[in-house]
Every structure is written in C-alpha cells, then in structure tokens.
N, C-alpha and C. Protein backbone atom coordinates (compact mmCIF):
# COMPACT_ATOMS: atom_id res chain seq x y z
N MET A 1 77.45 162.09 77.88
CA MET A 1 77.15 162.76 79.34
C MET A 1 75.53 163.10 79.09
N GLY A 2 74.51 162.71 80.02
CA GLY A 2 73.26 163.05 80.10
C GLY A 2 73.39 164.19 80.85
N LYS A 3 72.58 165.48 80.46
CA LYS A 3 72.30 167.03 80.52
C LYS A 3 71.75 166.25 82.02
N HIS A 4 72.21 167.78 82.83
CA HIS A 4 71.10 168.02 84.34
C HIS A 4 70.08 168.26 84.27
N SER A 5 69.28 167.98 85.07
CA SER A 5 67.63 168.55 85.38
C SER A 5 67.83 170.26 85.50
N GLY A 6 66.50 170.47 85.14
CA GLY A 6 66.54 172.30 84.94
C GLY A 6 66.65 172.30 86.19
N ARG A 7 66.03 171.83 87.72
CA ARG A 7 66.29 171.95 89.06
C ARG A 7 67.74 171.73 89.38
N TYR A 8 68.18 170.73 89.06
CA TYR A 8 70.06 171.61 89.40
C TYR A 8 70.86 172.17 88.49
N ALA A 9 70.41 172.63 87.29
CA ALA A 9 70.69 174.00 86.40
C ALA A 9 70.49 175.33 87.86
N ALA A 10 69.12 175.18 88.44
CA ALA A 10 68.95 176.17 89.05
C ALA A 10 69.95 176.55 90.22
N VAL A 11 70.04 175.07 90.96
CA VAL A 11 70.84 174.99 92.18
C VAL A 11 71.96 175.51 91.81
N ALA A 12 72.73 175.27 90.71
CA ALA A 12 74.31 175.24 90.38
C ALA A 12 74.33 176.52 90.68
N GLU A 13 73.35 177.50 89.68
CA GLU A 13 73.57 178.78 89.54
C GLU A 13 73.93 179.47 90.79
N LYS A 14 73.64 179.18 92.01
CA LYS A 14 73.77 180.02 92.89
C LYS A 14 75.13 179.43 93.76
N VAL A 15 76.31 178.54 92.99
CA VAL A 15 77.71 178.35 93.75
C VAL A 15 78.01 178.87 92.74
N ASP A 16 79.44 179.59 92.96
CA ASP A 16 80.24 179.96 92.07
C ASP A 16 81.44 178.64 92.17
N ARG A 17 81.77 178.11 91.05
CA ARG A 17 82.87 177.06 90.72
C ARG A 17 84.11 177.37 90.99
N GLU A 18 84.12 178.46 90.87
CA GLU A 18 85.70 179.11 90.87
C GLU A 18 86.01 179.60 92.53
N HIS A 19 85.11 179.51 92.90
CA HIS A 19 85.08 179.87 94.65
C HIS A 19 85.63 178.90 95.51
N TYR A 20 86.46 179.33 96.61
CA TYR A 20 86.86 178.04 97.49
C TYR A 20 85.74 178.98 98.51
N TYR A 21 85.17 178.34 98.96
CA TYR A 21 84.13 179.02 100.77
C TYR A 21 84.65 178.39 101.77
N GLY A 22 84.54 179.21 102.57
CA GLY A 22 85.01 178.53 103.86
C GLY A 22 83.48 177.82 104.41
N SER A 23 84.00 176.60 105.67
CA SER A 23 82.82 175.69 105.76
C SER A 23 81.62 176.18 106.39
N GLU A 24 81.20 176.91 106.71
CA GLU A 24 79.99 177.52 107.34
C GLU A 24 79.20 178.14 105.99
N GLU A 25 80.15 178.86 105.22
CA GLU A 25 79.41 179.38 104.34
C GLU A 25 79.05 178.02 103.23
N ALA A 26 79.59 177.41 103.08
CA ALA A 26 79.57 176.29 102.10
C ALA A 26 78.33 175.14 102.63
N ILE A 27 78.07 175.20 104.26
CA ILE A 27 77.30 174.18 104.72
C ILE A 27 75.98 175.19 104.42
N GLY A 28 76.00 176.10 104.54
CA GLY A 28 74.72 177.07 104.58
C GLY A 28 74.35 176.54 102.74
N LEU A 29 75.29 177.08 101.71
CA LEU A 29 74.46 176.76 100.54
C LEU A 29 74.36 175.05 100.15
N VAL A 30 74.73 174.34 100.79
CA VAL A 30 74.62 172.91 100.65
C VAL A 30 72.89 172.24 101.40
N LYS A 31 72.39 173.40 102.61
CA LYS A 31 71.37 172.98 102.99
C LYS A 31 70.27 173.90 102.17
N GLU A 32 70.77 175.29 101.63
CA GLU A 32 70.07 175.84 100.92
C GLU A 32 69.60 175.26 99.33
N ASN A 33 70.35 174.48 99.16
CA ASN A 33 70.28 173.83 97.52
C ASN A 33 69.42 172.47 98.14
N ALA A 34 69.55 171.86 99.08
CA ALA A 34 68.86 170.44 99.34
C ALA A 34 67.46 170.61 99.03
N THR A 35 67.01 170.53 98.05
CA THR A 35 65.61 171.18 97.86
C THR A 35 64.45 169.36 97.21
N ALA A 36 65.46 168.48 97.29
CA ALA A 36 64.87 167.27 96.70
C ALA A 36 63.92 166.57 97.94
N SER A 37 62.80 166.02 97.19
CA SER A 37 61.52 165.47 97.69
C SER A 37 62.20 164.64 99.28
N PHE A 38 63.52 164.37 99.37
CA PHE A 38 63.78 162.98 100.74
C PHE A 38 65.00 164.00 100.98
N ASP A 39 65.28 163.51 102.21
CA ASP A 39 66.69 164.39 103.07
C ASP A 39 67.94 163.74 102.66
N GLU A 40 68.48 164.91 102.13
CA GLU A 40 69.57 164.49 101.15
C GLU A 40 70.64 164.08 101.84
N THR A 41 71.59 162.93 101.52
CA THR A 41 72.97 162.99 102.77
C THR A 41 73.61 164.50 102.17
N VAL A 42 74.33 164.78 102.86
CA VAL A 42 75.31 165.69 103.05
C VAL A 42 77.01 164.99 103.13
N GLU A 43 77.65 165.18 101.93
CA GLU A 43 78.86 164.48 101.79
C GLU A 43 80.10 165.40 101.35
N ILE A 44 81.47 164.90 102.13
CA ILE A 44 82.83 165.35 101.70
C ILE A 44 83.43 164.31 100.83
N ALA A 45 84.57 165.00 99.76
CA ALA A 45 85.27 164.07 99.50
C ALA A 45 86.50 164.84 99.45
N LEU A 46 87.62 164.25 100.12
CA LEU A 46 88.67 164.68 100.32
C LEU A 46 89.85 164.17 99.14
N LYS A 47 90.47 164.69 98.69
CA LYS A 47 91.50 164.47 97.59
C LYS A 47 93.09 164.44 98.56
N LEU A 48 93.75 163.38 98.62
CA LEU A 48 94.71 163.32 99.23
C LEU A 48 96.12 163.47 98.21
N GLY A 49 97.10 163.45 99.14
CA GLY A 49 98.34 163.84 98.44
C GLY A 49 99.02 162.34 99.13
N ILE A 50 98.79 161.14 97.97
CA ILE A 50 99.68 159.62 98.55
C ILE A 50 99.25 159.69 97.50
N GLN A 51 100.69 158.29 96.88
CA GLN A 51 101.54 157.72 95.81
C GLN A 51 100.15 156.64 95.61
N ARG A 52 99.79 156.50 94.70
CA ARG A 52 98.62 155.18 94.19
C ARG A 52 99.37 154.20 94.13
N GLY A 53 99.60 153.11 94.92
CA GLY A 53 100.44 151.78 94.55
C GLY A 53 100.85 151.52 95.88
N ARG A 54 101.64 152.78 96.57
CA ARG A 54 102.43 152.36 97.84
C ARG A 54 101.63 152.05 98.92
N GLY A 55 102.01 151.03 99.29
CA GLY A 55 101.35 150.07 100.56
C GLY A 55 102.01 150.96 101.95
N ASP A 56 102.57 151.66 101.93
CA ASP A 56 102.85 152.44 103.18
C ASP A 56 102.06 154.09 103.40
N GLN A 57 101.51 153.94 102.29
CA GLN A 57 100.61 155.11 101.92
C GLN A 57 98.94 155.00 101.80
N THR A 58 98.61 153.61 102.47
CA THR A 58 97.35 153.45 102.81
C THR A 58 96.83 154.17 103.71
N VAL A 59 95.65 154.86 103.53
CA VAL A 59 94.76 155.73 104.60
C VAL A 59 93.27 155.24 104.56
N ARG A 60 93.07 154.47 105.80
CA ARG A 60 92.29 153.98 106.39
C ARG A 60 91.54 154.03 107.89
N GLY A 61 91.04 153.94 108.12
CA GLY A 61 90.38 154.26 109.47
C GLY A 61 89.22 154.47 109.48
N THR A 62 88.42 154.94 111.14
CA THR A 62 86.86 155.00 111.54
C THR A 62 86.65 156.42 112.31
N VAL A 63 85.76 156.89 112.08
CA VAL A 63 85.30 157.74 113.07
C VAL A 63 83.78 157.79 113.19
N ILE A 64 83.91 158.11 114.65
CA ILE A 64 82.94 158.54 115.34
C ILE A 64 82.12 160.09 114.56
N LEU A 65 81.05 159.60 114.31
CA LEU A 65 80.51 161.44 114.29
C LEU A 65 79.80 162.09 115.45
N PRO A 66 79.89 162.80 116.10
CA PRO A 66 79.31 163.62 117.14
C PRO A 66 77.86 163.55 117.18
N HIS A 67 77.40 163.57 115.84
CA HIS A 67 75.88 164.01 115.60
C HIS A 67 75.32 162.46 114.87
N GLY A 68 76.16 161.64 114.45
CA GLY A 68 75.80 160.55 113.60
C GLY A 68 75.56 161.16 112.05
N THR A 69 75.19 159.58 111.53
CA THR A 69 75.04 160.27 109.89
C THR A 69 73.50 160.72 109.60
N GLY A 70 72.93 160.27 109.94
CA GLY A 70 71.03 160.92 110.28
C GLY A 70 70.61 159.03 109.70
N LYS A 71 71.62 158.35 109.41
CA LYS A 71 71.28 156.79 109.07
C LYS A 71 71.58 155.72 110.15
N VAL A 72 70.69 155.06 110.43
CA VAL A 72 71.50 154.19 112.15
C VAL A 72 71.49 152.86 111.12
N PRO A 73 72.72 152.69 110.94
CA PRO A 73 73.38 151.57 110.27
C PRO A 73 72.89 149.72 110.73
N ARG A 74 72.51 148.86 109.36
CA ARG A 74 71.82 147.71 109.94
C ARG A 74 73.29 146.65 110.22
N VAL A 75 73.23 146.34 111.40
CA VAL A 75 74.79 145.72 112.35
C VAL A 75 74.19 144.01 112.24
N ALA A 76 75.23 143.12 111.33
CA ALA A 76 74.89 141.99 111.53
C ALA A 76 76.32 141.32 112.36
N VAL A 77 76.11 140.67 113.10
CA VAL A 77 76.89 139.93 113.79
C VAL A 77 77.60 138.67 114.24
N PHE A 78 78.43 138.16 113.95
CA PHE A 78 78.91 137.27 113.70
C PHE A 78 79.45 136.49 115.28
N ALA A 79 78.52 135.65 115.97
CA ALA A 79 78.96 135.51 117.40
C ALA A 79 78.15 134.13 118.24
N ASP A 80 78.67 133.55 118.95
CA ASP A 80 78.06 132.74 119.52
C ASP A 80 77.85 133.23 121.63
N GLY A 81 77.01 132.31 121.91
CA GLY A 81 77.17 131.99 123.50
C GLY A 81 77.07 133.51 124.43
N GLU A 82 77.97 133.89 125.18
CA GLU A 82 77.83 135.03 125.45
C GLU A 82 77.93 136.55 124.70
N ALA A 83 79.06 136.13 124.10
CA ALA A 83 78.96 137.03 122.82
C ALA A 83 77.49 137.41 121.81
N ALA A 84 77.47 136.73 121.71
CA ALA A 84 75.86 136.97 120.60
C ALA A 84 74.73 137.52 121.69
N GLN A 85 74.64 137.38 122.70
CA GLN A 85 73.67 137.65 123.85
C GLN A 85 74.19 139.33 124.13
N GLN A 86 75.49 139.54 123.95
CA GLN A 86 75.86 141.04 124.26
C GLN A 86 75.22 141.78 122.99
N ALA A 87 75.72 141.40 121.68
CA ALA A 87 75.70 142.27 120.47
C ALA A 87 73.96 142.34 120.52
N GLU A 88 72.97 141.35 120.80
CA GLU A 88 71.81 141.02 121.16
C GLU A 88 71.17 142.30 121.95
N GLU A 89 72.02 142.64 123.21
CA GLU A 89 71.27 143.60 124.23
C GLU A 89 71.74 144.89 123.56
N ALA A 90 73.04 144.84 122.60
CA ALA A 90 73.90 145.94 122.40
C ALA A 90 72.80 146.48 121.11
N GLY A 91 71.84 145.63 120.59
CA GLY A 91 71.09 146.61 119.39
C GLY A 91 71.40 145.90 117.99
N ALA A 92 72.18 144.90 118.16
CA ALA A 92 72.56 143.89 116.45
C ALA A 92 71.06 143.84 115.59
N ASP A 93 70.98 143.68 114.65
CA ASP A 93 69.88 143.68 113.91
C ASP A 93 69.97 141.96 113.16
N ARG A 94 71.07 141.54 113.34
CA ARG A 94 71.03 140.14 113.49
C ARG A 94 72.30 139.38 113.63
N VAL A 95 72.39 138.38 114.63
CA VAL A 95 73.27 137.81 115.26
C VAL A 95 73.36 136.54 114.99
N GLY A 96 73.97 135.63 114.67
CA GLY A 96 74.34 134.16 114.42
C GLY A 96 76.25 133.20 114.33
N SER A 97 76.15 132.35 113.78
CA SER A 97 77.32 132.09 113.75
C SER A 97 77.42 131.20 112.06
N ASP A 98 77.10 129.76 112.43
CA ASP A 98 77.32 129.10 111.23
C ASP A 98 75.92 129.59 110.51
N ASP A 99 75.12 129.96 110.88
CA ASP A 99 73.51 129.86 110.36
C ASP A 99 73.60 131.41 109.74
N LEU A 100 74.41 132.10 110.10
CA LEU A 100 74.49 133.49 109.42
C LEU A 100 75.78 133.64 107.87
N VAL A 101 76.43 132.77 108.71
CA VAL A 101 77.51 132.45 107.41
C VAL A 101 76.74 131.62 106.10
N ALA A 102 75.83 130.72 106.63
CA ALA A 102 74.90 130.11 105.75
C ALA A 102 74.06 130.71 104.85
N ALA A 103 73.32 132.12 105.46
CA ALA A 103 72.55 133.15 105.07
C ALA A 103 73.16 133.87 103.79
N ILE A 104 74.40 134.58 104.51
CA ILE A 104 74.90 135.25 103.87
C ILE A 104 75.69 134.48 102.10
N ASP A 105 75.80 132.86 102.39
CA ASP A 105 76.41 132.53 101.42
C ASP A 105 75.20 132.33 100.22
N GLU A 106 74.28 131.84 100.99
CA GLU A 106 72.96 131.86 100.07
C GLU A 106 72.53 132.92 99.56
N GLY A 107 73.38 134.43 99.78
CA GLY A 107 73.11 135.79 99.14
C GLY A 107 71.99 136.73 99.85
N TRP A 108 71.75 136.45 101.19
CA TRP A 108 71.32 137.69 102.34
C TRP A 108 72.40 138.76 102.44
N GLU A 109 71.61 139.60 102.16
CA GLU A 109 72.75 141.12 102.22
C GLU A 109 71.55 142.14 102.88
N GLU A 110 70.85 141.74 103.76
CA GLU A 110 70.21 143.13 104.80
C GLU A 110 70.82 143.44 105.74
N PHE A 111 72.40 144.13 105.70
CA PHE A 111 73.08 144.17 106.31
C PHE A 111 74.12 145.76 105.73
N ASP A 112 74.24 146.31 106.75
CA ASP A 112 75.38 147.57 106.31
C ASP A 112 76.48 147.35 106.66
N VAL A 113 76.60 146.94 108.16
CA VAL A 113 78.20 146.14 108.59
C VAL A 113 78.06 144.63 109.20
N LEU A 114 79.06 144.55 108.97
CA LEU A 114 79.32 143.60 109.80
C LEU A 114 80.29 143.27 110.79
N VAL A 115 80.16 142.85 111.86
CA VAL A 115 81.42 142.55 113.07
C VAL A 115 81.36 141.21 113.26
N ALA A 116 82.69 140.56 113.66
CA ALA A 116 82.80 139.42 114.14
C ALA A 116 83.68 138.94 115.67
N HIS A 117 83.07 138.30 116.44
CA HIS A 117 84.02 137.88 117.39
C HIS A 117 85.18 137.02 116.76
N PRO A 118 86.61 137.26 117.27
CA PRO A 118 88.00 136.54 116.92
C PRO A 118 87.48 135.14 116.68
N ALA A 119 86.86 134.52 117.41
CA ALA A 119 86.69 132.87 117.27
C ALA A 119 85.53 132.48 116.31
N MET A 120 84.67 133.45 115.79
CA MET A 120 84.15 133.04 114.79
C MET A 120 84.90 133.24 113.14
N MET A 121 86.30 133.85 113.10
CA MET A 121 86.55 134.06 111.50
C MET A 121 87.36 132.99 110.43
N PRO A 122 87.77 131.82 111.34
CA PRO A 122 87.44 130.66 110.92
C PRO A 122 86.42 130.53 110.12
N MET A 123 85.48 130.56 110.54
CA MET A 123 84.51 130.08 109.93
C MET A 123 83.85 131.29 108.89
N VAL A 124 83.69 132.78 108.90
CA VAL A 124 83.35 133.75 108.87
C VAL A 124 84.82 133.74 107.74
N GLY A 125 85.93 133.62 107.26
CA GLY A 125 86.98 133.49 106.37
C GLY A 125 86.49 133.24 104.99
N ARG A 126 85.43 132.57 105.01
CA ARG A 126 84.84 131.65 104.04
C ARG A 126 84.47 132.36 102.87
N LEU A 127 83.50 133.19 103.44
CA LEU A 127 83.32 134.25 102.89
C LEU A 127 83.56 135.28 102.17
N GLY A 128 85.02 135.46 102.46
CA GLY A 128 85.95 136.39 101.71
C GLY A 128 85.87 137.03 100.04
N ARG A 129 85.31 136.08 99.50
CA ARG A 129 85.23 136.36 97.58
C ARG A 129 83.83 136.81 98.26
N LYS A 130 82.94 136.48 98.73
CA LYS A 130 81.67 136.94 98.14
C LYS A 130 81.73 138.31 98.66
N LEU A 131 81.90 138.69 99.84
CA LEU A 131 82.09 139.57 100.47
C LEU A 131 83.06 140.68 100.36
N GLY A 132 84.18 140.23 99.77
CA GLY A 132 85.44 141.41 99.30
C GLY A 132 85.20 142.24 100.15
N PRO A 133 85.70 143.49 100.20
CA PRO A 133 85.91 144.64 101.22
C PRO A 133 84.58 144.65 102.82
N ARG A 134 83.47 144.18 102.21
CA ARG A 134 82.94 144.24 103.58
C ARG A 134 82.98 143.11 104.47
N MET A 135 83.87 142.64 104.44
CA MET A 135 84.49 141.62 105.48
C MET A 135 84.87 142.50 106.63
N PRO A 136 84.42 141.59 108.02
CA PRO A 136 84.75 142.26 109.05
C PRO A 136 86.50 142.19 108.96
N ASN A 137 86.78 143.75 109.75
CA ASN A 137 87.60 144.13 109.35
C ASN A 137 88.56 144.68 111.09
N LYS A 138 89.96 144.18 111.41
CA LYS A 138 90.54 144.94 112.41
C LYS A 138 91.02 145.61 113.00
N LYS A 139 91.18 146.05 111.46
CA LYS A 139 91.67 147.55 111.79
C LYS A 139 90.58 148.85 112.13
N ALA A 140 89.25 148.04 111.39
CA ALA A 140 88.12 149.30 111.41
C ALA A 140 87.41 148.74 112.52
N GLY A 141 87.95 148.05 113.41
CA GLY A 141 87.52 147.32 114.64
C GLY A 141 86.00 146.54 114.80
N ASN A 142 85.68 145.58 113.68
CA ASN A 142 84.53 144.71 113.14
C ASN A 142 85.36 143.62 114.10
N ILE A 143 86.81 143.05 113.71
CA ILE A 143 86.94 141.90 114.40
C ILE A 143 87.47 142.11 115.95
N THR A 144 86.56 142.04 116.98
CA THR A 144 86.98 142.20 118.29
C THR A 144 85.56 141.59 119.22
N GLU A 145 86.62 140.81 120.53
CA GLU A 145 85.69 140.34 121.60
C GLU A 145 84.94 141.27 122.29
N ASP A 146 84.51 142.36 122.19
CA ASP A 146 83.63 142.67 123.07
C ASP A 146 82.59 143.81 121.36
N VAL A 147 82.08 142.72 121.20
CA VAL A 147 80.96 142.83 119.99
C VAL A 147 80.10 143.58 120.14
N GLY A 148 79.88 143.90 121.74
CA GLY A 148 78.87 144.36 122.17
C GLY A 148 79.07 146.18 121.69
N ALA A 149 80.63 146.13 122.24
CA ALA A 149 80.57 147.74 122.23
C ALA A 149 80.80 148.17 120.54
N ALA A 150 80.90 147.32 120.27
CA ALA A 150 80.99 147.70 118.53
C ALA A 150 79.86 147.82 117.89
N VAL A 151 79.34 147.20 118.67
CA VAL A 151 77.40 147.08 117.58
C VAL A 151 77.07 149.20 118.24
N THR A 152 77.26 148.79 119.51
CA THR A 152 76.98 150.44 119.94
C THR A 152 77.73 151.52 119.37
N THR A 153 78.70 151.52 119.53
CA THR A 153 79.60 152.87 118.28
C THR A 153 79.12 152.90 116.89
N LEU A 154 78.66 151.64 116.35
CA LEU A 154 78.60 151.66 115.02
C LEU A 154 76.73 152.51 114.78
N LYS A 155 75.64 152.05 115.88
CA LYS A 155 74.55 152.84 115.87
C LYS A 155 74.77 153.98 115.97
N ALA A 156 75.95 154.48 117.12
CA ALA A 156 75.96 155.48 117.37
C ALA A 156 76.42 156.57 116.58
N GLY A 157 76.97 155.98 115.39
CA GLY A 157 77.62 157.21 114.14
C GLY A 157 79.16 156.78 113.71
N LYS A 158 79.80 155.77 113.90
CA LYS A 158 81.61 155.40 113.48
C LYS A 158 80.69 155.10 112.30
N VAL A 159 81.59 155.48 112.09
CA VAL A 159 81.86 155.27 110.07
C VAL A 159 83.45 155.21 109.65
N GLU A 160 83.58 153.73 108.47
CA GLU A 160 84.77 153.53 108.37
C GLU A 160 85.55 154.48 107.35
N PHE A 161 86.24 154.59 107.15
CA PHE A 161 86.75 155.23 105.57
C PHE A 161 88.00 154.65 104.98
N ARG A 162 88.21 155.15 103.89
CA ARG A 162 89.16 154.18 103.33
C ARG A 162 89.74 155.07 102.06
N ALA A 163 90.83 155.57 101.37
CA ALA A 163 90.95 156.38 100.45
C ALA A 163 90.80 155.62 98.91
N ASP A 164 90.34 155.77 97.68
CA ASP A 164 90.35 154.98 96.95
C ASP A 164 91.44 154.92 95.81
N ARG A 165 91.29 154.02 94.92
CA ARG A 165 92.45 154.52 94.02
C ARG A 165 93.17 155.74 93.48
N GLY A 166 91.76 156.61 93.30
CA GLY A 166 92.29 157.74 93.11
C GLY A 166 92.58 158.61 93.87
N GLY A 167 92.74 158.21 95.62
CA GLY A 167 93.70 158.53 96.71
C GLY A 167 92.47 160.01 97.13
N VAL A 168 91.42 159.58 96.83
CA VAL A 168 89.65 160.23 97.49
C VAL A 168 89.25 159.64 98.32
N VAL A 169 89.15 160.19 99.72
CA VAL A 169 88.34 159.70 100.98
C VAL A 169 86.92 160.32 100.61
N HIS A 170 85.58 159.51 100.61
CA HIS A 170 84.06 159.75 100.48
C HIS A 170 83.58 159.65 101.65
N LEU A 171 83.33 160.74 102.84
CA LEU A 171 82.39 160.67 103.82
C LEU A 171 81.01 161.31 103.90
N PRO A 172 80.48 160.43 104.51
CA PRO A 172 78.83 161.24 105.09
C PRO A 172 78.95 162.12 105.88
N VAL A 173 78.32 163.34 105.71
CA VAL A 173 78.72 164.55 106.99
C VAL A 173 77.44 164.77 107.79
N GLY A 174 76.34 163.77 106.96
CA GLY A 174 74.91 164.15 107.80
C GLY A 174 73.94 164.01 106.80
N LYS A 175 72.67 164.76 107.27
CA LYS A 175 71.78 164.88 106.72
C LYS A 175 71.54 166.70 106.53
N ALA A 176 70.83 166.55 104.93
CA ALA A 176 70.41 168.27 105.12
C ALA A 176 69.42 168.50 105.98
N SER A 177 69.01 167.78 106.94
CA SER A 177 68.34 168.59 107.60
C SER A 177 68.61 168.35 108.78
N PHE A 178 69.95 168.03 109.21
CA PHE A 178 70.73 168.39 110.37
C PHE A 178 70.79 169.76 110.64
N ALA A 179 71.02 170.62 111.81
CA ALA A 179 71.48 171.77 111.73
C ALA A 179 72.79 172.43 111.22
N ALA A 180 73.01 173.28 110.90
CA ALA A 180 74.14 173.71 110.56
C ALA A 180 75.57 173.62 111.43
N GLU A 181 74.84 173.80 112.72
CA GLU A 181 76.24 173.65 113.77
C GLU A 181 76.55 171.97 113.45
N GLN A 182 75.40 171.57 113.86
CA GLN A 182 75.29 169.75 113.55
C GLN A 182 76.23 169.05 112.66
N LEU A 183 76.11 169.66 111.36
CA LEU A 183 76.83 169.43 110.13
C LEU A 183 78.84 169.90 110.45
N LEU A 184 78.57 170.89 110.93
CA LEU A 184 79.65 171.74 110.99
C LEU A 184 80.82 170.73 111.99
N GLU A 185 80.23 170.53 113.14
CA GLU A 185 81.02 170.11 113.94
C GLU A 185 81.47 168.24 113.72
N ASN A 186 80.30 167.83 112.83
CA ASN A 186 80.79 166.37 112.27
C ASN A 186 81.68 166.68 110.90
N LEU A 187 81.83 167.78 110.32
CA LEU A 187 82.71 167.86 109.63
C LEU A 187 84.40 168.08 110.62
N GLU A 188 83.86 168.56 110.85
CA GLU A 188 84.99 169.19 111.83
C GLU A 188 86.21 167.65 112.47
N THR A 189 85.16 167.06 113.08
CA THR A 189 85.74 165.88 112.98
C THR A 189 86.48 165.02 112.38
N ILE A 190 85.75 165.01 110.82
CA ILE A 190 85.84 164.27 109.70
C ILE A 190 87.66 164.73 109.41
N ILE A 191 88.05 166.11 109.58
CA ILE A 191 89.06 166.38 109.13
C ILE A 191 90.02 166.05 110.05
N ASP A 192 89.63 166.01 111.41
CA ASP A 192 90.41 165.62 112.24
C ASP A 192 90.93 164.09 112.14
N ALA A 193 89.91 163.61 111.87
CA ALA A 193 90.54 162.21 111.67
C ALA A 193 91.24 161.74 110.48
N ILE A 194 90.91 162.50 109.54
CA ILE A 194 91.73 162.38 108.41
C ILE A 194 93.12 162.88 108.04
N SER A 195 93.53 163.89 109.08
CA SER A 195 94.52 164.54 109.27
C SER A 195 95.53 163.78 110.21
N THR A 196 94.70 162.91 111.14
CA THR A 196 95.33 162.20 112.25
C THR A 196 95.85 160.79 111.32
N ALA A 197 95.13 160.50 110.32
CA ALA A 197 95.11 159.28 109.51
C ALA A 197 96.54 159.23 108.52
N ARG A 198 97.30 160.27 108.46
CA ARG A 198 98.32 160.87 107.75
C ARG A 198 99.36 159.88 107.63
N PRO A 199 99.73 159.07 106.84
CA PRO A 199 100.70 158.07 106.77
C PRO A 199 102.10 159.06 107.18
N PRO A 200 103.19 158.34 107.52
CA PRO A 200 104.42 158.63 108.17
C PRO A 200 105.34 159.07 106.68
N GLY A 201 104.75 158.32 105.61
CA GLY A 201 105.81 158.49 104.40
C GLY A 201 105.18 159.57 103.66
N VAL A 202 104.28 160.30 104.00
CA VAL A 202 103.45 161.46 103.08
C VAL A 202 104.65 162.53 103.29
N SER A 203 104.96 163.52 102.17
CA SER A 203 105.28 164.28 101.87
C SER A 203 104.94 165.77 101.75
N GLY A 204 105.29 166.70 101.78
CA GLY A 204 103.97 167.92 101.49
C GLY A 204 102.90 168.10 101.80
N ARG A 205 102.15 168.70 101.21
CA ARG A 205 100.60 168.59 101.53
C ARG A 205 99.54 167.26 101.65
N PHE A 206 99.25 166.90 102.57
CA PHE A 206 98.28 165.93 103.10
C PHE A 206 97.00 166.06 102.37
N ILE A 207 96.21 166.85 102.64
CA ILE A 207 94.95 167.29 102.02
C ILE A 207 94.86 168.58 101.12
N LEU A 208 94.63 167.71 99.57
CA LEU A 208 94.80 168.59 98.70
C LEU A 208 93.80 169.54 98.21
N SER A 209 92.47 169.21 98.19
CA SER A 209 91.10 169.83 98.19
C SER A 209 89.55 169.04 99.01
N ALA A 210 89.14 170.05 99.05
CA ALA A 210 87.59 168.95 99.84
C ALA A 210 86.60 169.87 99.11
N THR A 211 86.01 169.05 99.13
CA THR A 211 84.54 169.39 98.17
C THR A 211 83.35 168.84 98.54
N LEU A 212 82.14 169.51 99.41
CA LEU A 212 81.30 169.24 100.19
C LEU A 212 79.99 169.44 98.71
N THR A 213 79.35 168.54 99.09
CA THR A 213 78.09 168.65 97.97
C THR A 213 76.63 167.33 98.95
N SER A 214 75.64 167.42 98.40
CA SER A 214 74.50 167.32 98.81
C SER A 214 74.54 165.82 98.05
N THR A 215 73.43 165.08 97.62
CA THR A 215 72.85 163.87 97.05
C THR A 215 72.67 164.05 95.79
N MET A 216 71.54 165.73 95.38
CA MET A 216 71.14 166.34 94.24
C MET A 216 71.95 166.96 93.96
N GLY A 217 72.70 167.84 94.61
CA GLY A 217 73.66 169.13 93.96
C GLY A 217 74.90 169.17 93.47
N PRO A 218 75.13 170.62 93.47
CA PRO A 218 76.46 170.73 92.50
C PRO A 218 77.24 170.49 93.61
N GLY A 219 79.03 170.35 93.51
CA GLY A 219 79.75 170.44 94.50
C GLY A 219 80.49 171.59 94.95
N ILE A 220 81.15 171.76 96.25
CA ILE A 220 80.78 172.84 96.52
C ILE A 220 82.19 173.16 97.08
N LYS A 221 83.27 173.94 96.64
CA LYS A 221 84.94 173.51 96.71
C LYS A 221 85.30 174.56 98.14
N LEU A 222 86.02 174.11 99.16
CA LEU A 222 86.11 174.61 100.19
C LEU A 222 87.44 174.97 100.23
N ASP A 223 87.16 176.01 100.80
CA ASP A 223 88.97 176.80 101.45
C ASP A 223 89.95 175.87 102.65
N LEU A 224 90.53 175.38 102.12
CA LEU A 224 91.65 174.38 102.72
C LEU A 224 92.08 175.53 104.26
N ARG A 225 92.49 176.63 103.83
CA ARG A 225 92.95 177.85 104.64
C ARG A 225 92.15 177.68 105.50
N LEU A 226 91.21 177.87 105.68
CA LEU A 226 90.08 177.96 106.72
C LEU A 226 89.02 177.14 107.22
N LEU A 227 89.67 175.94 107.03
CA LEU A 227 89.35 174.41 107.59
C LEU A 227 90.03 173.95 109.00
N PRO A 228 89.65 173.89 110.37
CA PRO A 228 90.35 173.52 110.87
C PRO A 228 90.43 172.85 111.09
N GLY A 229 91.87 171.84 111.82
CA GLY A 229 92.36 170.59 111.97
C GLY A 229 92.98 170.03 110.72
N ILE A 230 92.91 171.04 110.00
CA ILE A 230 94.49 170.22 108.76
C ILE A 230 95.66 170.52 109.46
N LYS A 231 96.10 169.09 109.42
CA LYS A 231 97.19 168.85 110.00
C LYS A 231 98.53 168.60 108.43
C-alpha cells in the first residue's frame, strides 16, 4: 500500500479517527481540510444493514439535492419528434435516436446520464452489454415519456443511488466551496432518501455507519444519533 502525502498526513492529524462527529462539526472539518488546488467533492458513504444477494433487500433510488452537486451532468436523450424537441428545450446535451445509438455503439461516451423515451427502448436495448449499469432505468426515472422533465431534474441536482455489493451507498453531498448550510441541507436530504428506501424485509438497524469525506481528505465518522432523518 502506498504512503499518503505529507499534506494528507497533516490534514488527517486534525481528525480523531476514534471520535464520532455531529454533522455540523463534520462538515466544518471537511471544509477546513479541503485544501487541494481544485474544488474538492464532499461525499458520504453509508453502510447499510442489508444481506448481500437477497433480491428483496436491494436498495436503489434517486434523490434531488436542494443545492445540487456542484456539477451539472451531461445528459444525452434517446428521443425523436416532439419528445426530442422537449429534451432539447430542457437543455439536453445531445438528443438522437438511431444516430445516438450508433454513436455510443462506436465508442462515444461524452455523457454522464442517459434518458430514453419508452418508444426508443427496443433500439436502445441492444446497447445493454456496452452500457451495463449506465443503461436508462425506469426505477431511476430515466425511461419516461416526459423526457423534458427528466432532463430538468437531472440538471437541477437529481442523483441516483444504489447499494454496492458490500451494502454501501456512496453519494456526492456537494463541493467543498458550498456554504456549510448548503452541505448540511443536502446531507439531511440524502439521509432521508436512503432511510425511505429501506426494504420491508430489513430488520434491525438499517443505516449502520456514515462517513463523510472530501476528494483528498480523510474519512470523518458521523454520530448516527445526531443525524436527523434516521429511520
């Protein structure tokens, strides 16, 4: 394992790894420690009490952050006719049908999120192997007749979440340049969304741990007892 830089070591000294912080104090530490030459992303990692491999304990959904993520996603839309016009008016970065399918099949990847009108799915479906989890998904709201609204919410700060194989959800909370109040509101919105996504079959505690960090900073453990919205 490689050694951390001297900068990281200096920053890490300010964080007590054995202490569990309240959300406001943790956000203050993250902002104080985000001293890289770029605007670091603040992220949350939530360990969930779900059993791996159980289909009835899949955790997946979306959340609209009130202050966005600090990054406006590039949205490509599979649509034609009136739906294509709506997507363009909503600010989609690229709109197309068979031409967009062909471009992606040939390696074009200048997008962060894909949205599709349902009528396009028979055509889009052949990209399944190439796109994998980036395929438009109905549960995430990315397969919809109202493609214009989908583009608008994505540009406004809608993000998708999904627990990984270890039962951990990773989500951006915003940028280190955000005001502390903005990061706190985004964090509380995330906690509420994850808590609401609790599968019926989960017993006991659902959110087991929460760690806040920035791109180049150390993890800061959060005190779950002090987090609003825990269910």
